[in-house]
């Protein structure tokens, strides 16, 4: 299995202007941090659904979904995924 240190740095001599800028700044055109597939998956893995049992037993149990970060929401939008509790 390849490790990050085994992956060679990109050859920027063949890049077009915006691609070279993206590689150098590590940011997308809209200013978001560039992620690898692994970091996006790791970031998405932090979205969780918590089951809440209020201390007052007369209140119903309910589920609460964590609010996606801007980057998580962008990834979900690109995938066409809608989160629902």
Foldseek 3Di string as FASTA:
>chain_A
DDDPVNDDQDDLPPDDDQVSVCSVVCAHPVGHHNDDPVVLVVLLVPWDKDWDCDPPNVDDIDIDIDDRDPSNVVVCVVVVHDDDD
